[in-house]
């Protein structure tokens, strides 16, 4: 039974494609922000260690993935598309 589910080649539905695009864009933005923090820190006289920047990136990306793929997030987006905007 497990091999049937694992071997399935079903096309992705539009929500999966949109989530993949969103997560890819957010990951790119986070990488860009983390990369630019080091030069801004040097300019401002604040020392950011590479370890701290990597730790920040490691903490940001999984929380973003969890927030985007949580069932309550999709319910909140659906509720906010209504006029009341109450989750």
C-alpha atoms as a PDB file:
ATOM      1  CA  UNK A   1       0.000   0.000   0.000  1.00  0.00           C
ATOM      2  CA  UNK A   2       2.818   2.399   0.848  1.00  0.00           C
ATOM      3  CA  UNK A   3       4.595   1.698  -2.426  1.00  0.00           C
ATOM      4  CA  UNK A   4       1.419   2.645  -4.310  1.00  0.00           C
ATOM      5  CA  UNK A   5       1.299   6.046  -2.612  1.00  0.00           C
ATOM      6  CA  UNK A   6       5.030   6.698  -2.987  1.00  0.00           C
ATOM      7  CA  UNK A   7       5.105   5.711  -6.639  1.00  0.00           C
ATOM      8  CA  UNK A   8       2.201   7.908  -7.638  1.00  0.00           C
ATOM      9  CA  UNK A   9       2.920  10.533 -10.309  1.00  0.00           C
ATOM     10  CA  UNK A  10       0.028  12.938  -9.895  1.00  0.00           C
ATOM     11  CA  UNK A  11       0.342  16.493 -11.156  1.00  0.00           C
ATOM     12  CA  UNK A  12       0.574  19.219  -8.534  1.00  0.00           C
ATOM     13  CA  UNK A  13      -2.565  21.201  -7.951  1.00  0.00           C
ATOM     14  CA  UNK A  14      -2.478  25.025  -8.220  1.00  0.00           C
ATOM     15  CA  UNK A  15      -2.241  25.497  -4.441  1.00  0.00           C
ATOM     16  CA  UNK A  16       0.893  23.343  -4.232  1.00  0.00           C
ATOM     17  CA  UNK A  17       2.464  25.272  -7.095  1.00  0.00           C
ATOM     18  CA  UNK A  18       1.598  28.609  -5.469  1.00  0.00           C
ATOM     19  CA  UNK A  19       3.019  27.474  -2.126  1.00  0.00           C
ATOM     20  CA  UNK A  20       6.228  26.332  -3.804  1.00  0.00           C
ATOM     21  CA  UNK A  21       6.606  29.692  -5.534  1.00  0.00           C
ATOM     22  CA  UNK A  22       5.874  31.598  -2.314  1.00  0.00           C
ATOM     23  CA  UNK A  23       8.363  29.596  -0.269  1.00  0.00           C
ATOM     24  CA  UNK A  24      11.024  29.957  -2.955  1.00  0.00           C
ATOM     25  CA  UNK A  25      10.513  33.717  -3.084  1.00  0.00           C
ATOM     26  CA  UNK A  26      10.614  34.073   0.702  1.00  0.00           C
ATOM     27  CA  UNK A  27      13.761  31.940   0.904  1.00  0.00           C
ATOM     28  CA  UNK A  28      15.416  34.140  -1.719  1.00  0.00           C
ATOM     29  CA  UNK A  29      14.384  37.295   0.165  1.00  0.00           C
ATOM     30  CA  UNK A  30      15.718  35.891   3.451  1.00  0.00           C
ATOM     31  CA  UNK A  31      19.023  35.003   1.795  1.00  0.00           C
ATOM     32  CA  UNK A  32      19.276  38.485   0.329  1.00  0.00           C
ATOM     33  CA  UNK A  33      18.554  40.113   3.703  1.00  0.00           C
ATOM     34  CA  UNK A  34      21.049  37.918   5.543  1.00  0.00           C
ATOM     35  CA  UNK A  35      23.743  38.598   2.945  1.00  0.00           C
ATOM     36  CA  UNK A  36      23.203  42.367   3.140  1.00  0.00           C
ATOM     37  CA  UNK A  37      23.192  42.456   6.958  1.00  0.00           C
ATOM     38  CA  UNK A  38      26.960  41.911   7.098  1.00  0.00           C
ATOM     39  CA  UNK A  39      27.875  45.016   4.990  1.00  0.00           C
ATOM     40  CA  UNK A  40      25.299  47.153   6.808  1.00  0.00           C
ATOM     41  CA  UNK A  41      26.745  45.993  10.116  1.00  0.00           C
ATOM     42  CA  UNK A  42      30.245  46.941   9.012  1.00  0.00           C
ATOM     43  CA  UNK A  43      29.005  50.359   7.899  1.00  0.00           C
ATOM     44  CA  UNK A  44      27.156  50.932  11.188  1.00  0.00           C
ATOM     45  CA  UNK A  45      30.044  49.670  13.289  1.00  0.00           C
ATOM     46  CA  UNK A  46      28.133  46.631  14.557  1.00  0.00           C
ATOM     47  CA  UNK A  47      29.833  43.266  14.277  1.00  0.00           C
ATOM     48  CA  UNK A  48      27.607  40.445  13.050  1.00  0.00           C
ATOM     49  CA  UNK A  49      29.354  37.094  13.175  1.00  0.00           C
ATOM     50  CA  UNK A  50      28.783  34.640  10.364  1.00  0.00           C
ATOM     51  CA  UNK A  51      27.528  32.173  12.974  1.00  0.00           C
ATOM     52  CA  UNK A  52      24.812  34.593  14.119  1.00  0.00           C
ATOM     53  CA  UNK A  53      23.710  35.295  10.541  1.00  0.00           C
ATOM     54  CA  UNK A  54      23.493  31.587   9.697  1.00  0.00           C
ATOM     55  CA  UNK A  55      21.574  30.948  12.924  1.00  0.00           C
ATOM     56  CA  UNK A  56      19.127  33.718  11.980  1.00  0.00           C
ATOM     57  CA  UNK A  57      18.603  32.169   8.567  1.00  0.00           C
ATOM     58  CA  UNK A  58      18.164  28.687  10.017  1.00  0.00           C
ATOM     59  CA  UNK A  59      15.545  30.026  12.433  1.00  0.00           C
ATOM     60  CA  UNK A  60      13.611  32.092   9.864  1.00  0.00           C
ATOM     61  CA  UNK A  61      13.148  29.610   7.038  1.00  0.00           C
ATOM     62  CA  UNK A  62      11.503  26.711   8.949  1.00  0.00           C
ATOM     63  CA  UNK A  63       9.098  29.029  10.751  1.00  0.00           C
ATOM     64  CA  UNK A  64       8.049  30.534   7.431  1.00  0.00           C
ATOM     65  CA  UNK A  65       7.481  27.096   5.917  1.00  0.00           C
ATOM     66  CA  UNK A  66       5.435  26.020   8.931  1.00  0.00           C
ATOM     67  CA  UNK A  67       3.357  29.200   8.874  1.00  0.00           C
ATOM     68  CA  UNK A  68       2.598  28.913   5.165  1.00  0.00           C
ATOM     69  CA  UNK A  69       1.697  25.255   5.231  1.00  0.00           C
ATOM     70  CA  UNK A  70      -0.337  25.229   8.449  1.00  0.00           C
ATOM     71  CA  UNK A  71      -4.055  24.447   8.020  1.00  0.00           C
ATOM     72  CA  UNK A  72      -5.027  27.384  10.208  1.00  0.00           C
ATOM     73  CA  UNK A  73      -3.174  29.749   7.866  1.00  0.00           C
ATOM     74  CA  UNK A  74      -5.254  28.647   4.903  1.00  0.00           C
ATOM     75  CA  UNK A  75      -8.443  29.070   6.953  1.00  0.00           C
ATOM     76  CA  UNK A  76      -7.328  32.568   7.951  1.00  0.00           C
ATOM     77  CA  UNK A  77      -6.684  33.515   4.313  1.00  0.00           C
ATOM     78  CA  UNK A  78     -10.063  32.163   3.323  1.00  0.00           C
ATOM     79  CA  UNK A  79     -11.766  34.066   6.134  1.00  0.00           C
ATOM     80  CA  UNK A  80      -9.962  37.288   5.239  1.00  0.00           C
ATOM     81  CA  UNK A  81     -11.188  37.062   1.683  1.00  0.00           C
ATOM     82  CA  UNK A  82     -14.676  37.627   3.087  1.00  0.00           C
ATOM     83  CA  UNK A  83     -15.834  41.106   4.109  1.00  0.00           C
ATOM     84  CA  UNK A  84     -15.609  40.352   7.853  1.00  0.00           C
ATOM     85  CA  UNK A  85     -11.956  39.208   7.834  1.00  0.00           C
ATOM     86  CA  UNK A  86     -12.328  37.166  11.002  1.00  0.00           C
ATOM     87  CA  UNK A  87     -10.427  33.862  11.272  1.00  0.00           C
END
